[in-house]
Amino acid sequence: QGTGGSISVTVGDGNSGTGGSITMTAGKTRGTGLDGGAVTITGGQGLQTGGAVTIGSGAGTSTSSGAMTITTADSGKGITGAMIFSSGIADSGASGDITVGSGQATDGAAGDISIMVGETTLASTAGAMLTMQAGDSAGATSVGGPV
């Protein structure tokens, strides 16, 4: 009944130095065959619309805004972690769009967008493949999307 509680974490400003940082790190394991701890950030479930998750870099008031980096860690042995950017499945209605874009530049060059696949140094292995595929349509009078 009523409104759910909130959690706010704020670190101090820097008057003459760098502002404070926040670091979240899940636990590691020393046990053979066991996985490290996961970090999960999830918006709240809503009766109509679920809660949004927003991750943004800091604004720069006199120069550049902060960079944003999303990576999987290097793997000493085995396979590095997969990266999946996916909108959810819609049981009734349209699924969400995924948009990748660079920002508009009013006094300078706009940013490039590069999509690259990994290279291999293993002699008998082909380089990675880049695949782009438009969506199919199961509707009797509609066609799949263009690429």
N, C-alpha and C. Protein backbone atom coordinates (compact mmCIF):
# COMPACT_ATOMS: atom_id res chain seq x y z
N GLN A 1 0.83 -1.17 0.00
CA GLN A 1 0.00 0.00 0.00
C GLN A 1 0.88 1.24 0.00
N GLY A 2 0.58 2.17 -0.86
CA GLY A 2 1.35 3.41 -0.91
C GLY A 2 2.54 3.31 -1.85
N THR A 3 3.41 4.28 -1.73
CA THR A 3 4.58 4.39 -2.60
C THR A 3 5.73 3.57 -2.04
N GLY A 4 6.48 2.88 -2.94
CA GLY A 4 7.66 2.14 -2.52
C GLY A 4 8.78 3.08 -2.14
N GLY A 5 9.70 2.59 -1.34
CA GLY A 5 10.83 3.40 -0.89
C GLY A 5 11.86 3.60 -1.97
N SER A 6 12.79 4.50 -1.75
CA SER A 6 13.85 4.81 -2.69
C SER A 6 15.20 4.65 -2.02
N ILE A 7 16.22 4.42 -2.82
CA ILE A 7 17.59 4.43 -2.35
C ILE A 7 18.35 5.44 -3.18
N SER A 8 19.04 6.34 -2.53
CA SER A 8 19.85 7.33 -3.22
C SER A 8 21.27 7.25 -2.68
N VAL A 9 22.24 7.13 -3.59
CA VAL A 9 23.64 7.11 -3.20
C VAL A 9 24.30 8.32 -3.84
N THR A 10 24.86 9.19 -3.04
CA THR A 10 25.49 10.41 -3.55
C THR A 10 26.86 10.54 -2.91
N VAL A 11 27.84 10.90 -3.72
CA VAL A 11 29.18 11.15 -3.17
C VAL A 11 29.47 12.64 -3.26
N GLY A 12 30.51 13.07 -2.59
CA GLY A 12 30.79 14.49 -2.47
C GLY A 12 31.30 15.14 -3.73
N ASP A 13 31.04 16.46 -3.82
CA ASP A 13 31.55 17.29 -4.90
C ASP A 13 33.01 17.64 -4.61
N GLY A 14 33.74 17.98 -5.65
CA GLY A 14 35.10 18.46 -5.46
C GLY A 14 35.15 19.96 -5.70
N ASN A 15 35.50 20.75 -4.68
CA ASN A 15 35.60 22.20 -4.86
C ASN A 15 36.81 22.58 -5.68
N SER A 16 37.94 21.96 -5.41
CA SER A 16 39.15 22.29 -6.15
C SER A 16 39.81 21.05 -6.72
N GLY A 17 39.13 19.91 -6.65
CA GLY A 17 39.66 18.65 -7.17
C GLY A 17 38.55 17.84 -7.81
N THR A 18 38.86 16.62 -8.10
CA THR A 18 37.90 15.73 -8.76
C THR A 18 36.76 15.37 -7.83
N GLY A 19 35.56 15.28 -8.38
CA GLY A 19 34.41 14.84 -7.60
C GLY A 19 34.56 13.37 -7.23
N GLY A 20 33.84 12.95 -6.19
CA GLY A 20 33.90 11.58 -5.72
C GLY A 20 33.37 10.58 -6.74
N SER A 21 33.82 9.35 -6.64
CA SER A 21 33.43 8.28 -7.56
C SER A 21 32.58 7.24 -6.84
N ILE A 22 31.83 6.47 -7.61
CA ILE A 22 31.09 5.33 -7.10
C ILE A 22 31.54 4.11 -7.88
N THR A 23 31.91 3.06 -7.18
CA THR A 23 32.32 1.82 -7.82
C THR A 23 31.48 0.69 -7.25
N MET A 24 30.87 -0.10 -8.13
CA MET A 24 30.14 -1.30 -7.70
C MET A 24 30.89 -2.50 -8.27
N THR A 25 31.27 -3.41 -7.42
CA THR A 25 31.99 -4.60 -7.85
C THR A 25 31.38 -5.81 -7.17
N ALA A 26 31.04 -6.81 -7.95
CA ALA A 26 30.52 -8.05 -7.37
C ALA A 26 31.69 -8.89 -6.86
N GLY A 27 31.37 -9.84 -6.01
CA GLY A 27 32.39 -10.67 -5.39
C GLY A 27 33.06 -11.63 -6.35
N LYS A 28 34.34 -11.92 -6.06
CA LYS A 28 35.06 -12.91 -6.85
C LYS A 28 35.07 -14.23 -6.10
N THR A 29 35.43 -15.29 -6.80
CA THR A 29 35.53 -16.58 -6.15
C THR A 29 36.91 -17.16 -6.37
N ARG A 30 37.34 -17.91 -5.43
CA ARG A 30 38.61 -18.62 -5.57
C ARG A 30 38.36 -20.11 -5.81
N GLY A 31 37.10 -20.51 -5.78
CA GLY A 31 36.75 -21.91 -5.95
C GLY A 31 36.82 -22.34 -7.40
N THR A 32 37.40 -23.49 -7.66
CA THR A 32 37.52 -24.03 -9.01
C THR A 32 36.14 -24.33 -9.57
N GLY A 33 35.90 -23.88 -10.79
CA GLY A 33 34.64 -24.16 -11.47
C GLY A 33 33.47 -23.30 -11.03
N LEU A 34 33.72 -22.29 -10.22
CA LEU A 34 32.64 -21.43 -9.74
C LEU A 34 32.70 -20.07 -10.43
N ASP A 35 31.57 -19.41 -10.54
CA ASP A 35 31.46 -18.13 -11.23
C ASP A 35 31.59 -16.98 -10.24
N GLY A 36 32.09 -15.84 -10.74
CA GLY A 36 32.09 -14.62 -9.95
C GLY A 36 30.67 -14.10 -9.78
N GLY A 37 30.48 -13.21 -8.84
CA GLY A 37 29.15 -12.64 -8.59
C GLY A 37 28.69 -11.75 -9.72
N ALA A 38 27.41 -11.65 -9.91
CA ALA A 38 26.81 -10.84 -10.98
C ALA A 38 26.36 -9.49 -10.42
N VAL A 39 26.27 -8.49 -11.30
CA VAL A 39 25.69 -7.20 -10.97
C VAL A 39 24.45 -7.05 -11.85
N THR A 40 23.32 -6.81 -11.22
CA THR A 40 22.07 -6.67 -11.96
C THR A 40 21.43 -5.34 -11.60
N ILE A 41 21.07 -4.58 -12.62
CA ILE A 41 20.34 -3.32 -12.43
C ILE A 41 19.03 -3.47 -13.19
N THR A 42 17.92 -3.37 -12.49
CA THR A 42 16.63 -3.61 -13.10
C THR A 42 15.66 -2.51 -12.69
N GLY A 43 14.93 -1.97 -13.65
CA GLY A 43 13.87 -1.02 -13.33
C GLY A 43 12.69 -1.76 -12.71
N GLY A 44 11.89 -1.06 -11.95
CA GLY A 44 10.76 -1.67 -11.25
C GLY A 44 9.63 -2.07 -12.18
N GLN A 45 8.92 -3.12 -11.77
CA GLN A 45 7.75 -3.56 -12.52
C GLN A 45 6.60 -2.60 -12.26
N GLY A 46 5.86 -2.26 -13.31
CA GLY A 46 4.72 -1.37 -13.15
C GLY A 46 3.45 -2.01 -13.65
N LEU A 47 2.33 -1.63 -13.08
CA LEU A 47 1.05 -2.17 -13.53
C LEU A 47 0.80 -1.80 -14.98
N GLN A 48 1.24 -0.60 -15.40
CA GLN A 48 1.12 -0.19 -16.79
C GLN A 48 2.50 -0.15 -17.45
N THR A 49 3.35 0.76 -17.06
CA THR A 49 4.67 0.89 -17.65
C THR A 49 5.73 0.59 -16.60
N GLY A 50 6.69 -0.24 -16.95
CA GLY A 50 7.78 -0.55 -16.03
C GLY A 50 8.72 0.63 -15.88
N GLY A 51 9.53 0.60 -14.83
CA GLY A 51 10.48 1.66 -14.57
C GLY A 51 11.64 1.63 -15.55
N ALA A 52 12.11 2.76 -15.96
CA ALA A 52 13.21 2.89 -16.91
C ALA A 52 14.54 2.71 -16.19
N VAL A 53 15.56 2.32 -16.93
CA VAL A 53 16.93 2.28 -16.44
C VAL A 53 17.73 3.23 -17.32
N THR A 54 18.34 4.22 -16.72
CA THR A 54 19.11 5.21 -17.45
C THR A 54 20.53 5.23 -16.92
N ILE A 55 21.49 5.08 -17.80
CA ILE A 55 22.90 5.18 -17.44
C ILE A 55 23.49 6.25 -18.34
N GLY A 56 24.04 7.27 -17.77
CA GLY A 56 24.58 8.36 -18.59
C GLY A 56 25.90 8.86 -18.04
N SER A 57 26.69 9.42 -18.91
CA SER A 57 27.95 10.01 -18.46
C SER A 57 27.70 11.43 -17.97
N GLY A 58 28.68 11.98 -17.26
CA GLY A 58 28.54 13.32 -16.71
C GLY A 58 28.77 14.41 -17.74
N ALA A 59 28.08 15.52 -17.55
CA ALA A 59 28.23 16.67 -18.44
C ALA A 59 29.53 17.40 -18.12
N GLY A 60 30.15 17.96 -19.12
CA GLY A 60 31.31 18.82 -18.92
C GLY A 60 30.90 20.26 -19.15
N THR A 61 30.97 21.08 -18.14
CA THR A 61 30.46 22.45 -18.27
C THR A 61 31.35 23.35 -19.11
N SER A 62 32.65 23.04 -19.21
CA SER A 62 33.51 23.88 -20.03
C SER A 62 34.22 23.12 -21.14
N THR A 63 34.26 21.80 -21.07
CA THR A 63 34.89 21.04 -22.16
C THR A 63 34.02 19.84 -22.52
N SER A 64 34.54 18.64 -22.43
CA SER A 64 33.87 17.43 -22.93
C SER A 64 33.04 16.75 -21.85
N SER A 65 31.99 16.07 -22.28
CA SER A 65 31.26 15.21 -21.36
C SER A 65 32.06 13.92 -21.16
N GLY A 66 31.72 13.16 -20.14
CA GLY A 66 32.43 11.92 -19.85
C GLY A 66 32.15 10.84 -20.88
N ALA A 67 33.12 9.99 -21.11
CA ALA A 67 32.96 8.87 -22.04
C ALA A 67 32.14 7.77 -21.38
N MET A 68 31.55 6.90 -22.19
CA MET A 68 30.85 5.74 -21.68
C MET A 68 31.44 4.51 -22.35
N THR A 69 31.83 3.55 -21.55
CA THR A 69 32.43 2.33 -22.06
C THR A 69 31.67 1.14 -21.50
N ILE A 70 31.25 0.26 -22.38
CA ILE A 70 30.60 -0.98 -21.96
C ILE A 70 31.41 -2.10 -22.60
N THR A 71 32.02 -2.92 -21.78
CA THR A 71 32.88 -3.98 -22.31
C THR A 71 32.65 -5.27 -21.53
N THR A 72 33.04 -6.37 -22.13
CA THR A 72 33.20 -7.60 -21.38
C THR A 72 34.69 -7.74 -21.09
N ALA A 73 35.02 -8.41 -20.02
CA ALA A 73 36.42 -8.53 -19.62
C ALA A 73 37.19 -9.46 -20.55
N ASP A 74 38.50 -9.26 -20.59
CA ASP A 74 39.37 -10.16 -21.35
C ASP A 74 39.32 -11.55 -20.71
N SER A 75 39.59 -12.55 -21.53
CA SER A 75 39.60 -13.92 -21.04
C SER A 75 40.99 -14.50 -21.19
N GLY A 76 41.59 -14.94 -20.10
CA GLY A 76 42.90 -15.57 -20.17
C GLY A 76 42.83 -16.90 -20.90
N LYS A 77 41.82 -17.67 -20.61
CA LYS A 77 41.58 -18.96 -21.27
C LYS A 77 40.08 -19.05 -21.51
N GLY A 78 39.70 -19.50 -22.67
CA GLY A 78 38.28 -19.65 -22.94
C GLY A 78 37.74 -18.50 -23.76
N ILE A 79 36.47 -18.22 -23.61
CA ILE A 79 35.74 -17.27 -24.44
C ILE A 79 35.38 -16.04 -23.61
N THR A 80 35.54 -14.85 -24.17
CA THR A 80 35.10 -13.65 -23.47
C THR A 80 33.58 -13.62 -23.43
N GLY A 81 33.03 -12.86 -22.52
CA GLY A 81 31.58 -12.80 -22.36
C GLY A 81 30.89 -12.18 -23.56
N ALA A 82 29.70 -12.64 -23.87
CA ALA A 82 28.90 -12.11 -24.97
C ALA A 82 28.29 -10.78 -24.58
N MET A 83 28.02 -9.92 -25.57
CA MET A 83 27.28 -8.67 -25.35
C MET A 83 25.97 -8.77 -26.12
N ILE A 84 24.88 -8.56 -25.44
CA ILE A 84 23.57 -8.66 -26.06
C ILE A 84 22.82 -7.37 -25.82
N PHE A 85 22.41 -6.70 -26.88
CA PHE A 85 21.55 -5.53 -26.81
C PHE A 85 20.23 -5.93 -27.45
N SER A 86 19.21 -6.05 -26.67
CA SER A 86 17.96 -6.59 -27.19
C SER A 86 16.78 -5.91 -26.52
N SER A 87 15.77 -5.57 -27.30
CA SER A 87 14.52 -5.13 -26.69
C SER A 87 13.70 -6.38 -26.41
N GLY A 88 12.82 -6.31 -25.47
CA GLY A 88 12.07 -7.47 -25.01
C GLY A 88 11.05 -7.98 -26.02
N ILE A 89 10.47 -9.11 -25.69
CA ILE A 89 9.43 -9.73 -26.51
C ILE A 89 8.09 -9.11 -26.12
N ALA A 90 7.31 -8.69 -27.10
CA ALA A 90 6.00 -8.09 -26.85
C ALA A 90 4.92 -9.14 -27.10
N ASP A 91 4.20 -9.53 -26.05
CA ASP A 91 3.12 -10.50 -26.21
C ASP A 91 1.95 -9.90 -26.97
N SER A 92 1.69 -8.61 -26.76
CA SER A 92 0.59 -7.94 -27.43
C SER A 92 1.02 -6.51 -27.71
N GLY A 93 1.39 -6.23 -28.95
CA GLY A 93 1.87 -4.90 -29.30
C GLY A 93 3.25 -4.98 -29.94
N ALA A 94 3.87 -3.84 -30.17
CA ALA A 94 5.15 -3.78 -30.85
C ALA A 94 6.31 -3.89 -29.86
N SER A 95 7.39 -4.53 -30.27
CA SER A 95 8.58 -4.54 -29.42
C SER A 95 9.31 -3.21 -29.57
N GLY A 96 10.19 -2.91 -28.63
CA GLY A 96 10.89 -1.62 -28.62
C GLY A 96 11.98 -1.54 -29.67
N ASP A 97 12.23 -0.32 -30.15
CA ASP A 97 13.28 -0.07 -31.11
C ASP A 97 14.64 -0.07 -30.42
N ILE A 98 15.69 -0.31 -31.18
CA ILE A 98 17.06 -0.12 -30.74
C ILE A 98 17.68 0.90 -31.68
N THR A 99 18.17 2.00 -31.13
CA THR A 99 18.74 3.06 -31.94
C THR A 99 20.19 3.27 -31.53
N VAL A 100 21.08 3.29 -32.51
CA VAL A 100 22.49 3.59 -32.28
C VAL A 100 22.80 4.82 -33.09
N GLY A 101 23.29 5.86 -32.47
CA GLY A 101 23.57 7.08 -33.21
C GLY A 101 24.63 7.91 -32.53
N SER A 102 25.28 8.73 -33.31
CA SER A 102 26.21 9.69 -32.72
C SER A 102 25.47 11.02 -32.59
N GLY A 103 25.92 11.85 -31.69
CA GLY A 103 25.24 13.11 -31.44
C GLY A 103 25.45 14.15 -32.52
N GLN A 104 24.56 15.12 -32.53
CA GLN A 104 24.65 16.23 -33.47
C GLN A 104 25.75 17.18 -33.02
N ALA A 105 26.52 17.71 -33.97
CA ALA A 105 27.58 18.67 -33.65
C ALA A 105 27.18 20.02 -34.22
N THR A 106 27.12 21.04 -33.37
CA THR A 106 26.76 22.38 -33.84
C THR A 106 27.98 23.21 -34.23
N ASP A 107 29.16 22.86 -33.68
CA ASP A 107 30.37 23.61 -34.01
C ASP A 107 31.56 22.65 -34.05
N GLY A 108 31.51 21.69 -34.98
CA GLY A 108 32.55 20.67 -35.08
C GLY A 108 32.01 19.48 -35.84
N ALA A 109 32.81 18.44 -35.92
CA ALA A 109 32.43 17.24 -36.68
C ALA A 109 31.56 16.32 -35.82
N ALA A 110 30.54 15.76 -36.44
CA ALA A 110 29.71 14.77 -35.76
C ALA A 110 30.51 13.48 -35.61
N GLY A 111 30.18 12.68 -34.60
CA GLY A 111 30.90 11.44 -34.33
C GLY A 111 30.60 10.36 -35.34
N ASP A 112 31.60 9.52 -35.60
CA ASP A 112 31.45 8.38 -36.50
C ASP A 112 30.79 7.23 -35.76
N ILE A 113 30.25 6.27 -36.54
CA ILE A 113 29.77 5.01 -36.00
C ILE A 113 30.53 3.91 -36.71
N SER A 114 31.17 3.06 -35.95
CA SER A 114 31.94 1.95 -36.51
C SER A 114 31.40 0.65 -35.96
N ILE A 115 31.19 -0.32 -36.84
CA ILE A 115 30.81 -1.67 -36.44
C ILE A 115 31.91 -2.58 -36.95
N MET A 116 32.60 -3.24 -36.03
CA MET A 116 33.73 -4.06 -36.43
C MET A 116 33.60 -5.44 -35.79
N VAL A 117 34.04 -6.45 -36.50
CA VAL A 117 34.11 -7.79 -35.94
C VAL A 117 35.57 -8.10 -35.63
N GLY A 118 35.79 -9.03 -34.74
CA GLY A 118 37.14 -9.34 -34.28
C GLY A 118 37.97 -10.06 -35.33
N GLU A 119 39.26 -9.92 -35.18
CA GLU A 119 40.18 -10.65 -36.06
C GLU A 119 40.76 -11.81 -35.28
N THR A 120 41.26 -12.80 -36.00
CA THR A 120 41.88 -13.94 -35.34
C THR A 120 43.33 -14.06 -35.81
N THR A 121 44.17 -14.55 -34.95
CA THR A 121 45.56 -14.80 -35.32
C THR A 121 45.81 -16.29 -35.47
N LEU A 122 44.77 -17.11 -35.30
CA LEU A 122 44.90 -18.55 -35.46
C LEU A 122 44.90 -18.88 -36.95
N ALA A 123 45.95 -19.54 -37.42
CA ALA A 123 46.18 -19.73 -38.86
C ALA A 123 45.04 -20.44 -39.58
N SER A 124 44.41 -21.41 -38.96
CA SER A 124 43.40 -22.22 -39.66
C SER A 124 41.98 -21.75 -39.40
N THR A 125 41.80 -20.54 -38.86
CA THR A 125 40.47 -20.06 -38.51
C THR A 125 40.13 -18.82 -39.33
N ALA A 126 38.92 -18.79 -39.88
CA ALA A 126 38.46 -17.64 -40.66
C ALA A 126 38.16 -16.47 -39.73
N GLY A 127 38.23 -15.25 -40.26
CA GLY A 127 37.85 -14.07 -39.48
C GLY A 127 36.37 -14.11 -39.13
N ALA A 128 35.97 -13.28 -38.19
CA ALA A 128 34.59 -13.26 -37.73
C ALA A 128 33.66 -12.71 -38.81
N MET A 129 32.38 -13.08 -38.73
CA MET A 129 31.39 -12.68 -39.73
C MET A 129 30.53 -11.53 -39.19
N LEU A 130 30.16 -10.62 -40.06
CA LEU A 130 29.23 -9.54 -39.74
C LEU A 130 27.92 -9.84 -40.45
N THR A 131 26.85 -9.94 -39.70
CA THR A 131 25.55 -10.28 -40.27
C THR A 131 24.56 -9.18 -39.93
N MET A 132 23.82 -8.71 -40.93
CA MET A 132 22.70 -7.79 -40.70
C MET A 132 21.49 -8.41 -41.36
N GLN A 133 20.40 -8.49 -40.62
CA GLN A 133 19.21 -9.14 -41.14
C GLN A 133 17.98 -8.34 -40.74
N ALA A 134 17.11 -8.10 -41.68
CA ALA A 134 15.85 -7.42 -41.39
C ALA A 134 14.84 -8.43 -40.86
N GLY A 135 13.81 -7.93 -40.20
CA GLY A 135 12.80 -8.80 -39.61
C GLY A 135 11.83 -9.36 -40.65
N ASP A 136 11.41 -10.61 -40.41
CA ASP A 136 10.38 -11.24 -41.23
C ASP A 136 9.02 -10.75 -40.78
N SER A 137 8.02 -10.99 -41.61
CA SER A 137 6.64 -10.69 -41.24
C SER A 137 5.79 -11.91 -41.50
N ALA A 138 5.01 -12.31 -40.51
CA ALA A 138 4.13 -13.46 -40.66
C ALA A 138 2.75 -13.05 -41.17
N GLY A 139 2.53 -11.75 -41.37
CA GLY A 139 1.24 -11.28 -41.84
C GLY A 139 0.99 -11.67 -43.30
N ALA A 140 -0.23 -12.02 -43.62
CA ALA A 140 -0.58 -12.49 -44.96
C ALA A 140 -0.37 -11.42 -46.02
N THR A 141 -0.53 -10.16 -45.68
CA THR A 141 -0.41 -9.09 -46.68
C THR A 141 0.75 -8.16 -46.42
N SER A 142 1.70 -8.56 -45.56
CA SER A 142 2.82 -7.68 -45.26
C SER A 142 4.14 -8.36 -45.63
N VAL A 143 5.18 -7.56 -45.74
CA VAL A 143 6.49 -8.07 -46.15
C VAL A 143 7.51 -7.80 -45.04
N GLY A 144 8.64 -8.46 -45.12
CA GLY A 144 9.70 -8.23 -44.17
C GLY A 144 10.30 -6.84 -44.34
N GLY A 145 11.05 -6.41 -43.35
CA GLY A 145 11.66 -5.06 -43.38
C GLY A 145 12.88 -5.01 -44.27
N PRO A 146 13.21 -3.82 -44.79
CA PRO A 146 14.38 -3.66 -45.66
C PRO A 146 15.67 -3.53 -44.84
N VAL A 147 16.79 -3.81 -45.50
CA VAL A 147 18.10 -3.58 -44.90
C VAL A 147 18.70 -2.36 -45.58
